[in-house]
Amino acid sequence: MRPQTHPSRHSHLPAAAMLWLLGGSALLLTTLVPVRTDLLGWTPAFWLVGAPLAVLLVLEPSLPRQLLALCRPRRHTSHRAVWH
């Protein structure tokens, strides 16, 4: 049997992961944290971008499809016949 989770708690997790992803991306883009180091390798990039992205995809599997739908141009269809 699966334990019950509070719905409001679940709604905060994707927002927290998105904030984590945006903050980590900002840190990497501003070069405050290097993407790769000799000591840690690719660990900073993984923990600042890869991990929150994985969390988002696990919590909201339909998110990539929703984002693609927002980016695609919508075709406007006319509901009336056009006569020339």
Protein backbone atom coordinates (compact mmCIF):
# COMPACT_ATOMS: atom_id res chain seq x y z
CA MET A 1 0.00 0.00 0.00
CA ARG A 2 1.31 3.42 -0.96
CA PRO A 3 1.58 6.04 1.79
CA GLN A 4 -0.69 9.04 1.42
CA THR A 5 1.01 12.35 0.66
CA HIS A 6 -0.51 15.72 1.22
CA PRO A 7 -1.46 17.33 -2.12
CA SER A 8 -0.08 20.75 -1.19
CA ARG A 9 3.31 19.21 -0.34
CA HIS A 10 3.50 17.61 -3.78
CA SER A 11 2.68 20.93 -5.49
CA HIS A 12 5.65 22.61 -3.78
CA LEU A 13 8.19 20.04 -4.98
CA PRO A 14 8.13 20.98 -8.69
CA ALA A 15 8.34 24.66 -7.78
CA ALA A 16 11.34 23.98 -5.53
CA ALA A 17 13.03 21.94 -8.28
CA MET A 18 12.39 24.72 -10.79
CA LEU A 19 13.88 27.30 -8.41
CA TRP A 20 16.87 24.98 -7.86
CA LEU A 21 17.32 24.63 -11.63
CA LEU A 22 17.06 28.37 -12.28
CA GLY A 23 19.44 29.23 -9.44
CA GLY A 24 21.96 26.60 -10.51
CA SER A 25 21.79 27.72 -14.12
CA ALA A 26 22.37 31.32 -13.05
CA LEU A 27 25.39 30.29 -10.99
CA LEU A 28 26.87 28.39 -13.93
CA LEU A 29 26.11 31.11 -16.49
CA THR A 30 27.63 33.86 -14.36
CA THR A 31 30.69 31.61 -13.81
CA LEU A 32 30.47 32.01 -10.04
CA VAL A 33 30.63 28.21 -10.00
CA PRO A 34 32.67 26.53 -12.73
CA VAL A 35 30.96 23.90 -14.87
CA ARG A 36 33.90 21.52 -14.46
CA THR A 37 36.79 21.44 -12.01
CA ASP A 38 39.90 19.26 -11.80
CA LEU A 39 39.00 18.14 -8.30
CA LEU A 40 35.26 17.49 -8.72
CA GLY A 41 34.94 16.92 -12.46
CA TRP A 42 31.41 17.52 -13.78
CA THR A 43 29.86 17.35 -10.29
CA PRO A 44 28.93 21.07 -10.05
CA ALA A 45 27.08 20.93 -13.38
CA PHE A 46 25.25 17.77 -12.36
CA TRP A 47 24.10 19.06 -8.96
CA LEU A 48 23.16 22.50 -10.25
CA VAL A 49 21.43 21.50 -13.51
CA GLY A 50 21.23 17.73 -14.00
CA ALA A 51 19.77 16.77 -10.64
CA PRO A 52 16.96 19.36 -10.55
CA LEU A 53 16.13 18.55 -14.16
CA ALA A 54 15.85 14.86 -13.26
CA VAL A 55 13.65 15.70 -10.26
CA LEU A 56 11.37 17.81 -12.46
CA LEU A 57 11.05 15.05 -15.03
CA VAL A 58 10.19 12.49 -12.35
CA LEU A 59 7.62 14.72 -10.66
CA GLU A 60 6.10 16.12 -13.85
CA PRO A 61 6.66 13.66 -16.73
CA SER A 62 4.39 15.62 -19.08
CA LEU A 63 6.36 18.87 -18.64
CA PRO A 64 8.50 18.52 -21.82
CA ARG A 65 5.37 17.92 -23.92
CA GLN A 66 3.68 20.97 -22.37
CA LEU A 67 6.73 23.15 -23.05
CA LEU A 68 6.90 21.97 -26.66
CA ALA A 69 3.22 22.78 -27.10
CA LEU A 70 3.88 26.32 -25.88
CA CYS A 71 6.75 26.78 -28.33
CA ARG A 72 4.95 25.46 -31.41
CA PRO A 73 3.10 28.00 -33.52
CA ARG A 74 -0.61 27.43 -33.39
CA ARG A 75 -2.59 27.15 -36.59
CA HIS A 76 -5.68 29.27 -36.62
CA THR A 77 -8.51 27.49 -38.36
CA SER A 78 -11.55 29.30 -39.50
CA HIS A 79 -14.86 27.86 -38.44
CA ARG A 80 -16.73 29.48 -41.27
CA ALA A 81 -16.51 28.87 -44.99
CA VAL A 82 -14.64 31.41 -47.00
CA TRP A 83 -16.22 32.16 -50.36
CA HIS A 84 -14.54 34.21 -53.05
